[in-house]
Amino acid sequence: MKYIVLLGDGMADWPVESLGGQTPLQAAQTPAMDRVAQKGTLGLFFPIPEGMPPGSDIGNLSCFGYNPRECFGGRAPIEAANMGIALGPQEVAFRCNVVTLSNGVMEDFTAGHIGSEEAAELVGALDRTLASEFPIRLYPGVSYRHLAVIPGSEAVSADELSGMQCTPPHDITGQPWEPHLPRGVGCELVRAIIRRSQELLPEHPVSRKRRESGKRPATSIWLWGQGKPPTMESYASKFGLRGAVVSAVDLVRGIGVLAGLEVLKVPGATGWIDTNYEGKIGAALDALDRHDFVYVHVEAPDEAAHQGRADLKIQAIEDFDRRIVAPALAYLEQHPDCRILVAPDHFTTIKTKTHAGGPAPFAVCGAGVPVNGLRAYSEYEAAKAGIVFREGYRLVQRFLTQTDMDFAS
């Protein structure tokens, strides 16, 4: 059996007034995802467990089939695993966004979707200066997404650093940033690092050049998502499967590394609407020649919703449908001993520009999957099925382990 998970990050949404009260999934043209629903089963699942924050880290762990309550300890250490950064037992990894602050607000948590080469130059310069002044190391990642490591000390322990309250920058777009600086024991250190970056970044040649060309400059770093290394059972041990992951995002790649999966590097994979869709699905389907399982993650719907752009979110959903889901369905037609699961990892709402929990739609089709007669992939159509997985990871475990998927039990 071959298993294909197609993850549209943040695809689920609330009704949007400008779309006539439809969600972006309802408003988009999605014949391929509709076909998955028609060929199999449509329903609802909770990728974010009740009481946990609605982040892509927790949502994607669920969609890989892991119980986040058992293995989640912070987003940044997962990303560190993908970047090959070995954390010591008393070291804490932080997600380090390069952001644009303006007029006292978080103007853009992506610094205008800054390019990876530009960002690497900025992060390298910051690391050389900050590391001489503070106990910190910076590591460049992709676009605006980078990593910082701070060791625990007698003054501030690793547990205290891990326990600080840090706000994701995408949660405060357009809002004053000062009230959302880190809070708790150790916050003075992290706040000082952030403020020092605000002295250094705006006058760096990369930032000046971006400003002169009408692009948003990098004016600060923002530290959040911290934690110590998680412990995760490998896919081979947990499910008896070998697999591969395709994503532009360090977080999802990091889950793949911790799960013992092959992480496929695709040129032109950006995490935005300009990503190399064909390269990503092509690499995934080719990997099924040597693997049982592939996980294809597309970030663009989430990024568009964070901007509050319904038009871009619809475009991202339609691109995902046509350029990712349709080729996977074509593969299924040629390989009947195969299953496809389409799902988001959480809601990312146009109204709030940030994540939310709740019951998200899933569609699954292929070998051993019953047909429940629903016609379209959307939040409201899925609610008609009467199928709800309160613990979202159990849906994926059933997808990967049951020869005949019985949704009545």
Protein backbone atom coordinates (compact mmCIF):
# COMPACT_ATOMS: atom_id res chain seq x y z
CA MET A 1 0.00 0.00 0.00
CA LYS A 2 1.12 3.55 -0.78
CA TYR A 3 -0.02 6.49 1.37
CA ILE A 4 -0.10 10.13 0.25
CA VAL A 5 -0.89 13.00 2.64
CA LEU A 6 -1.50 16.36 0.95
CA LEU A 7 -1.44 19.17 3.50
CA GLY A 8 -2.76 22.64 2.57
CA ASP A 9 -1.49 24.71 5.48
CA GLY A 10 -4.24 26.86 7.01
CA MET A 11 -6.77 26.12 4.21
CA ALA A 12 -9.72 25.98 6.58
CA ASP A 13 -11.41 29.29 7.37
CA TRP A 14 -14.51 31.06 8.63
CA PRO A 15 -17.08 32.65 6.31
CA VAL A 16 -15.77 35.81 4.66
CA GLU A 17 -18.12 38.73 4.13
CA SER A 18 -16.44 39.82 0.88
CA LEU A 19 -17.00 36.30 -0.48
CA GLY A 20 -20.74 36.47 0.13
CA GLY A 21 -20.49 34.55 3.38
CA GLN A 22 -18.55 31.67 1.84
CA THR A 23 -15.26 30.34 3.10
CA PRO A 24 -12.27 30.48 0.71
CA LEU A 25 -12.58 26.70 0.23
CA GLN A 26 -16.20 27.16 -0.85
CA ALA A 27 -15.39 30.09 -3.12
CA ALA A 28 -12.39 28.41 -4.79
CA GLN A 29 -12.64 26.12 -7.79
CA THR A 30 -11.36 22.78 -6.44
CA PRO A 31 -12.35 19.97 -8.81
CA ALA A 32 -9.52 17.68 -7.68
CA MET A 33 -10.28 17.93 -3.95
CA ASP A 34 -13.97 17.57 -4.77
CA ARG A 35 -13.07 14.40 -6.65
CA VAL A 36 -11.22 13.03 -3.60
CA ALA A 37 -14.38 13.63 -1.56
CA GLN A 38 -16.61 12.01 -4.21
CA LYS A 39 -14.37 8.93 -4.54
CA GLY A 40 -14.12 8.37 -0.79
CA THR A 41 -15.02 9.81 2.59
CA LEU A 42 -15.37 13.42 3.71
CA GLY A 43 -15.51 14.39 7.37
CA LEU A 44 -14.18 16.59 10.16
CA PHE A 45 -11.20 16.25 12.47
CA PHE A 46 -9.53 18.37 15.14
CA PRO A 47 -5.86 18.73 14.21
CA ILE A 48 -5.43 21.04 17.21
CA PRO A 49 -6.28 19.20 20.46
CA GLU A 50 -8.55 21.04 22.85
CA GLY A 51 -6.61 23.39 25.09
CA MET A 52 -3.47 23.50 22.94
CA PRO A 53 -2.40 26.57 20.91
CA PRO A 54 -3.44 26.45 17.22
CA GLY A 55 0.00 26.39 15.62
CA SER A 56 1.37 24.65 12.55
CA ASP A 57 3.71 22.72 14.84
CA ILE A 58 0.90 21.02 16.74
CA GLY A 59 -1.35 20.71 13.67
CA ASN A 60 1.31 19.06 11.54
CA LEU A 61 2.28 16.64 14.31
CA SER A 62 -1.37 15.53 14.35
CA CYS A 63 -1.39 15.19 10.57
CA PHE A 64 1.71 12.98 10.72
CA GLY A 65 -0.19 10.77 13.18
CA TYR A 66 1.55 11.82 16.40
CA ASN A 67 -0.26 12.80 19.58
CA PRO A 68 0.97 16.37 20.24
CA ARG A 69 0.21 16.05 23.95
CA GLU A 70 2.88 13.36 24.16
CA CYS A 71 5.67 14.77 22.00
CA PHE A 72 5.34 18.55 21.57
CA GLY A 73 7.85 20.70 23.44
CA GLY A 74 8.12 23.80 21.27
CA ARG A 75 8.37 24.70 17.59
CA ALA A 76 11.97 25.84 17.38
CA PRO A 77 13.64 22.57 18.47
CA ILE A 78 11.76 20.77 15.69
CA GLU A 79 13.16 23.27 13.19
CA ALA A 80 16.60 22.82 14.72
CA ALA A 81 16.43 19.10 13.92
CA ASN A 82 15.92 19.89 10.23
CA MET A 83 18.81 22.36 10.23
CA GLY A 84 21.15 19.77 11.74
CA ILE A 85 21.60 21.77 14.94
CA ALA A 86 22.30 19.46 17.85
CA LEU A 87 20.97 21.03 21.03
CA GLY A 88 22.64 20.31 24.34
CA PRO A 89 20.46 19.27 27.28
CA GLN A 90 20.63 22.81 28.71
CA GLU A 91 20.19 24.67 25.43
CA VAL A 92 16.93 26.23 24.28
CA ALA A 93 16.07 26.87 20.61
CA PHE A 94 13.98 29.89 19.62
CA ARG A 95 12.27 30.60 16.34
CA CYS A 96 13.84 33.82 15.04
CA ASN A 97 11.70 35.77 12.55
CA VAL A 98 13.14 38.69 10.60
CA VAL A 99 10.30 41.23 10.75
CA THR A 100 9.31 44.77 9.81
CA LEU A 101 8.26 47.02 12.68
CA SER A 102 6.87 50.45 11.76
CA ASN A 103 5.12 53.19 13.71
CA GLY A 104 5.01 51.01 16.78
CA VAL A 105 3.20 48.07 15.14
CA MET A 106 4.12 44.68 13.68
CA GLU A 107 3.83 45.74 10.05
CA ASP A 108 5.01 42.49 8.48
CA PHE A 109 6.14 39.31 10.22
CA THR A 110 7.91 38.22 6.99
CA ALA A 111 9.83 41.46 6.26
CA GLY A 112 8.17 41.49 2.84
CA HIS A 113 8.87 37.77 2.26
CA ILE A 114 12.55 38.61 2.26
CA GLY A 115 14.73 36.35 0.10
CA SER A 116 16.82 33.65 1.74
CA GLU A 117 20.13 35.07 0.48
CA GLU A 118 19.34 38.56 1.77
CA ALA A 119 18.17 37.18 5.09
CA ALA A 120 21.27 34.99 5.47
CA GLU A 121 23.47 38.06 5.07
CA LEU A 122 21.48 39.88 7.75
CA VAL A 123 21.45 36.95 10.17
CA GLY A 124 25.17 36.37 9.68
CA ALA A 125 25.94 40.00 10.49
CA LEU A 126 23.66 39.92 13.52
CA ASP A 127 25.22 36.70 14.79
CA ARG A 128 28.70 38.18 14.68
CA THR A 129 27.63 41.18 16.75
CA LEU A 130 25.05 39.68 19.10
CA ALA A 131 27.20 36.65 19.96
CA SER A 132 29.89 39.02 21.24
CA GLU A 133 27.39 40.75 23.54
CA PHE A 134 24.92 38.05 24.59
CA PRO A 135 24.87 34.25 25.14
CA ILE A 136 23.21 33.52 21.78
CA ARG A 137 23.91 31.88 18.43
CA LEU A 138 21.90 32.61 15.27
CA TYR A 139 21.44 30.24 12.33
CA PRO A 140 20.03 31.30 8.92
CA GLY A 141 17.03 29.42 7.55
CA VAL A 142 14.58 30.06 4.70
CA SER A 143 13.23 33.54 3.86
CA TYR A 144 12.17 35.19 7.13
CA ARG A 145 12.36 31.98 9.22
CA HIS A 146 15.56 31.54 11.24
CA LEU A 147 16.76 30.01 14.48
CA ALA A 148 18.43 31.20 17.68
CA VAL A 149 19.95 29.09 20.47
CA ILE A 150 20.38 30.39 24.02
CA PRO A 151 22.03 28.22 26.71
CA GLY A 152 20.64 28.00 30.20
CA SER A 153 22.80 29.44 32.96
CA GLU A 154 22.89 30.07 36.69
CA ALA A 155 21.09 33.35 36.05
CA VAL A 156 18.37 31.88 33.81
CA SER A 157 17.89 28.12 33.52
CA ALA A 158 16.90 26.26 30.36
CA ASP A 159 13.55 25.39 31.96
CA GLU A 160 12.92 29.08 32.70
CA LEU A 161 13.81 30.08 29.14
CA SER A 162 11.48 27.37 27.82
CA GLY A 163 8.68 28.57 30.09
CA MET A 164 8.68 32.21 29.00
CA GLN A 165 5.56 33.56 27.34
CA CYS A 166 6.49 34.46 23.78
CA THR A 167 3.93 35.64 21.20
CA PRO A 168 4.08 34.44 17.57
CA PRO A 169 4.58 37.54 15.39
CA HIS A 170 1.92 36.42 12.91
CA ASP A 171 -0.61 36.75 15.74
CA ILE A 172 -0.06 40.51 16.06
CA THR A 173 0.07 41.78 12.47
CA GLY A 174 -0.99 45.43 12.47
CA GLN A 175 -0.97 45.56 16.28
CA PRO A 176 1.39 47.34 18.69
CA TRP A 177 4.35 45.05 19.31
CA GLU A 178 5.65 46.38 22.64
CA PRO A 179 2.89 44.75 24.77
CA HIS A 180 3.75 41.40 23.17
CA LEU A 181 7.44 41.26 24.02
CA PRO A 182 8.48 38.11 25.94
CA ARG A 183 7.28 37.83 29.52
CA GLY A 184 8.42 35.75 32.48
CA VAL A 185 11.73 34.75 34.04
CA GLY A 186 14.55 35.48 31.60
CA CYS A 187 12.56 37.93 29.53
CA GLU A 188 15.01 40.76 30.20
CA LEU A 189 17.72 38.91 28.27
CA VAL A 190 15.49 38.10 25.30
CA ARG A 191 14.03 41.59 25.20
CA ALA A 192 17.53 43.08 25.21
CA ILE A 193 18.50 40.90 22.24
CA ILE A 194 15.42 41.96 20.29
CA ARG A 195 16.01 45.64 21.02
CA ARG A 196 19.70 45.41 20.07
CA SER A 197 18.69 43.92 16.71
CA GLN A 198 16.51 46.99 16.17
CA GLU A 199 19.63 49.15 16.41
CA LEU A 200 21.59 47.02 13.97
CA LEU A 201 19.21 45.83 11.25
CA PRO A 202 17.66 49.03 9.83
CA GLU A 203 21.05 50.45 8.76
CA HIS A 204 22.45 47.24 7.32
CA PRO A 205 23.10 47.58 3.54
CA VAL A 206 20.51 44.87 2.79
CA SER A 207 17.80 46.77 4.66
CA ARG A 208 18.78 50.10 3.12
CA LYS A 209 18.68 48.60 -0.36
CA ARG A 210 15.24 47.06 0.25
CA ARG A 211 13.94 50.39 1.54
CA GLU A 212 15.31 52.26 -1.48
CA SER A 213 13.69 49.79 -3.88
CA GLY A 214 10.26 50.12 -2.23
CA LYS A 215 10.42 46.79 -0.38
CA ARG A 216 9.78 46.31 3.31
CA PRO A 217 13.08 46.40 5.20
CA ALA A 218 14.12 44.09 8.00
CA THR A 219 14.04 46.20 11.16
CA SER A 220 14.09 43.62 13.98
CA ILE A 221 14.26 39.99 14.91
CA TRP A 222 11.45 38.40 16.93
CA LEU A 223 12.12 35.40 19.19
CA TRP A 224 9.34 32.90 19.98
CA GLY A 225 8.33 29.22 19.76
CA GLN A 226 11.11 28.15 22.12
CA GLY A 227 11.73 24.75 23.61
CA LYS A 228 14.06 21.83 24.29
CA PRO A 229 14.46 18.80 22.01
CA PRO A 230 11.39 16.50 21.72
CA THR A 231 11.42 12.73 21.74
CA MET A 232 9.56 11.05 18.87
CA GLU A 233 9.17 7.45 17.76
CA SER A 234 10.27 6.84 14.18
CA TYR A 235 7.76 6.04 11.43
CA ALA A 236 9.43 2.68 10.90
CA SER A 237 8.89 1.79 14.55
CA LYS A 238 5.46 3.40 14.98
CA PHE A 239 3.80 2.43 11.68
CA GLY A 240 6.20 0.02 10.00
CA LEU A 241 6.55 2.45 7.10
CA ARG A 242 9.35 4.14 5.20
CA GLY A 243 8.53 7.59 3.92
CA ALA A 244 9.49 11.02 2.69
CA VAL A 245 8.51 14.63 3.32
CA VAL A 246 8.31 17.56 0.88
CA SER A 247 8.05 21.07 2.31
CA ALA A 248 9.66 24.49 2.09
CA VAL A 249 9.25 24.96 5.84
CA ASP A 250 11.88 23.96 8.41
CA LEU A 251 9.18 23.00 10.90
CA VAL A 252 7.66 20.30 8.69
CA ARG A 253 11.04 19.11 7.51
CA GLY A 254 12.10 18.89 11.14
CA ILE A 255 9.17 16.63 11.98
CA GLY A 256 10.30 14.47 9.09
CA VAL A 257 13.86 14.29 10.45
CA LEU A 258 12.64 13.39 13.95
CA ALA A 259 10.31 10.75 12.44
CA GLY A 260 13.19 9.17 10.52
CA LEU A 261 11.73 10.11 7.12
CA GLU A 262 13.64 11.22 4.04
CA VAL A 263 13.45 15.00 3.61
CA LEU A 264 13.31 15.82 -0.09
CA LYS A 265 14.92 19.13 -1.15
CA VAL A 266 13.10 20.70 -4.11
CA PRO A 267 14.65 23.68 -5.92
CA GLY A 268 12.27 26.65 -5.97
CA ALA A 269 10.22 25.54 -2.95
CA THR A 270 9.56 28.86 -1.23
CA GLY A 271 6.59 28.52 1.14
CA TRP A 272 4.68 31.14 -0.87
CA ILE A 273 2.41 31.25 -3.94
CA ASP A 274 5.47 31.28 -6.20
CA THR A 275 6.60 27.87 -4.92
CA ASN A 276 7.60 25.06 -7.28
CA TYR A 277 4.38 23.03 -7.08
CA GLU A 278 5.28 20.69 -9.92
CA GLY A 279 8.71 20.00 -8.45
CA LYS A 280 7.23 19.21 -5.05
CA ILE A 281 4.58 16.73 -6.20
CA GLY A 282 6.96 15.25 -8.77
CA ALA A 283 9.58 14.56 -6.11
CA ALA A 284 6.95 13.07 -3.80
CA LEU A 285 5.48 10.71 -6.38
CA ASP A 286 8.95 9.64 -7.53
CA ALA A 287 9.79 8.85 -3.90
CA LEU A 288 6.95 6.31 -3.80
CA ASP A 289 9.16 4.05 -5.95
CA ARG A 290 11.31 3.52 -2.83
CA HIS A 291 8.96 4.50 0.01
CA ASP A 292 5.50 3.62 1.34
CA PHE A 293 4.47 7.10 2.46
CA VAL A 294 4.85 10.72 1.33
CA TYR A 295 3.77 13.95 3.02
CA VAL A 296 3.46 17.01 0.78
CA HIS A 297 3.12 20.29 2.64
CA VAL A 298 2.12 23.57 0.95
CA GLU A 299 2.41 26.74 3.04
CA ALA A 300 0.84 29.31 0.66
CA PRO A 301 -2.82 29.29 1.89
CA ASP A 302 -1.62 30.02 5.41
CA GLU A 303 0.65 32.87 4.33
CA ALA A 304 -2.11 34.49 2.28
CA ALA A 305 -4.56 34.33 5.18
CA HIS A 306 -2.01 35.91 7.51
CA GLN A 307 -2.09 38.89 5.14
CA GLY A 308 -5.89 39.01 5.28
CA ARG A 309 -6.00 38.46 1.51
CA ALA A 310 -8.99 36.34 0.51
CA ASP A 311 -8.05 36.66 -3.16
CA LEU A 312 -4.56 35.29 -2.59
CA LYS A 313 -5.87 32.53 -0.35
CA ILE A 314 -8.28 31.41 -3.06
CA GLN A 315 -5.44 31.48 -5.58
CA ALA A 316 -3.26 29.39 -3.26
CA ILE A 317 -6.06 26.86 -2.70
CA GLU A 318 -6.75 26.58 -6.43
CA ASP A 319 -3.04 26.15 -7.19
CA PHE A 320 -2.81 23.46 -4.51
CA ASP A 321 -5.83 21.71 -6.04
CA ARG A 322 -4.69 21.86 -9.65
CA ARG A 323 -0.96 21.44 -9.23
CA ILE A 324 -0.69 19.12 -6.21
CA VAL A 325 -3.94 17.21 -5.68
CA ALA A 326 -4.74 16.57 -9.37
CA PRO A 327 -1.36 14.90 -10.11
CA ALA A 328 -1.74 12.77 -6.98
CA LEU A 329 -5.17 11.62 -8.19
CA ALA A 330 -3.65 10.76 -11.56
CA TYR A 331 -1.09 8.63 -9.71
CA LEU A 332 -3.91 6.90 -7.81
CA GLU A 333 -5.63 6.00 -11.09
CA GLN A 334 -2.46 4.19 -12.18
CA HIS A 335 -1.71 2.67 -8.77
CA PRO A 336 -4.96 1.41 -7.19
CA ASP A 337 -3.13 0.06 -4.13
CA CYS A 338 -2.86 3.60 -2.81
CA ARG A 339 -4.65 6.09 -0.55
CA ILE A 340 -4.79 9.89 -0.54
CA LEU A 341 -5.61 12.12 2.45
CA VAL A 342 -6.24 15.86 1.90
CA ALA A 343 -6.40 18.11 4.96
CA PRO A 344 -5.31 21.38 6.57
CA ASP A 345 -3.36 21.56 9.82
CA HIS A 346 -5.59 24.27 11.36
CA PHE A 347 -7.75 27.25 10.45
CA THR A 348 -6.02 30.46 9.38
CA THR A 349 -8.73 33.05 9.15
CA ILE A 350 -8.96 36.04 6.87
CA LYS A 351 -10.85 37.92 9.58
CA THR A 352 -8.21 37.63 12.31
CA LYS A 353 -5.13 37.05 10.12
CA THR A 354 -4.04 34.29 12.44
CA HIS A 355 -4.61 30.65 13.42
CA ALA A 356 -7.64 29.11 15.08
CA GLY A 357 -8.63 25.68 16.26
CA GLY A 358 -11.82 23.83 15.47
CA PRO A 359 -13.11 20.97 13.31
CA ALA A 360 -11.36 21.08 9.93
CA PRO A 361 -12.41 19.16 6.80
CA PHE A 362 -10.58 16.07 5.63
CA ALA A 363 -11.12 13.95 2.53
CA VAL A 364 -9.68 10.49 1.99
CA CYS A 365 -9.98 8.13 -0.97
CA GLY A 366 -8.36 5.05 -2.42
CA ALA A 367 -7.89 1.42 -1.46
CA GLY A 368 -10.18 0.28 1.34
CA VAL A 369 -11.89 3.65 1.76
CA PRO A 370 -15.73 3.66 1.72
CA VAL A 371 -17.71 6.24 -0.25
CA ASN A 372 -20.05 8.42 1.83
CA GLY A 373 -21.68 10.25 -1.07
CA LEU A 374 -20.65 13.86 -0.46
CA ARG A 375 -19.76 16.00 -3.43
CA ALA A 376 -17.50 18.91 -2.51
CA TYR A 377 -14.50 19.56 -0.27
CA SER A 378 -15.38 22.32 2.19
CA GLU A 379 -15.97 22.97 5.87
CA TYR A 380 -19.76 22.93 5.51
CA GLU A 381 -20.02 19.91 3.22
CA ALA A 382 -17.78 17.95 5.62
CA ALA A 383 -20.08 18.76 8.52
CA LYS A 384 -22.90 16.88 6.74
CA ALA A 385 -21.06 13.57 7.06
CA GLY A 386 -21.48 13.21 10.81
CA ILE A 387 -17.88 11.96 11.04
CA VAL A 388 -15.75 13.75 13.61
CA PHE A 389 -12.32 12.78 14.96
CA ARG A 390 -11.98 14.71 18.22
CA GLU A 391 -8.34 13.69 18.41
CA GLY A 392 -7.07 14.48 14.94
CA TYR A 393 -4.01 12.24 15.05
CA ARG A 394 -6.30 9.20 15.30
CA LEU A 395 -7.62 9.91 11.79
CA VAL A 396 -4.11 9.67 10.38
CA GLN A 397 -3.30 6.58 12.42
CA ARG A 398 -6.40 4.90 10.99
CA PHE A 399 -5.44 6.05 7.48
CA LEU A 400 -2.02 4.43 7.85
CA THR A 401 -2.90 1.22 9.69
CA GLN A 402 -6.39 -0.04 8.79
CA THR A 403 -6.72 -2.19 5.68
CA ASP A 404 -10.41 -1.25 5.49
CA MET A 405 -11.18 2.20 6.86
CA ASP A 406 -14.39 1.77 8.83
CA PHE A 407 -15.70 5.21 9.78
CA ALA A 408 -18.72 3.75 11.54
CA SER A 409 -16.59 2.57 14.48
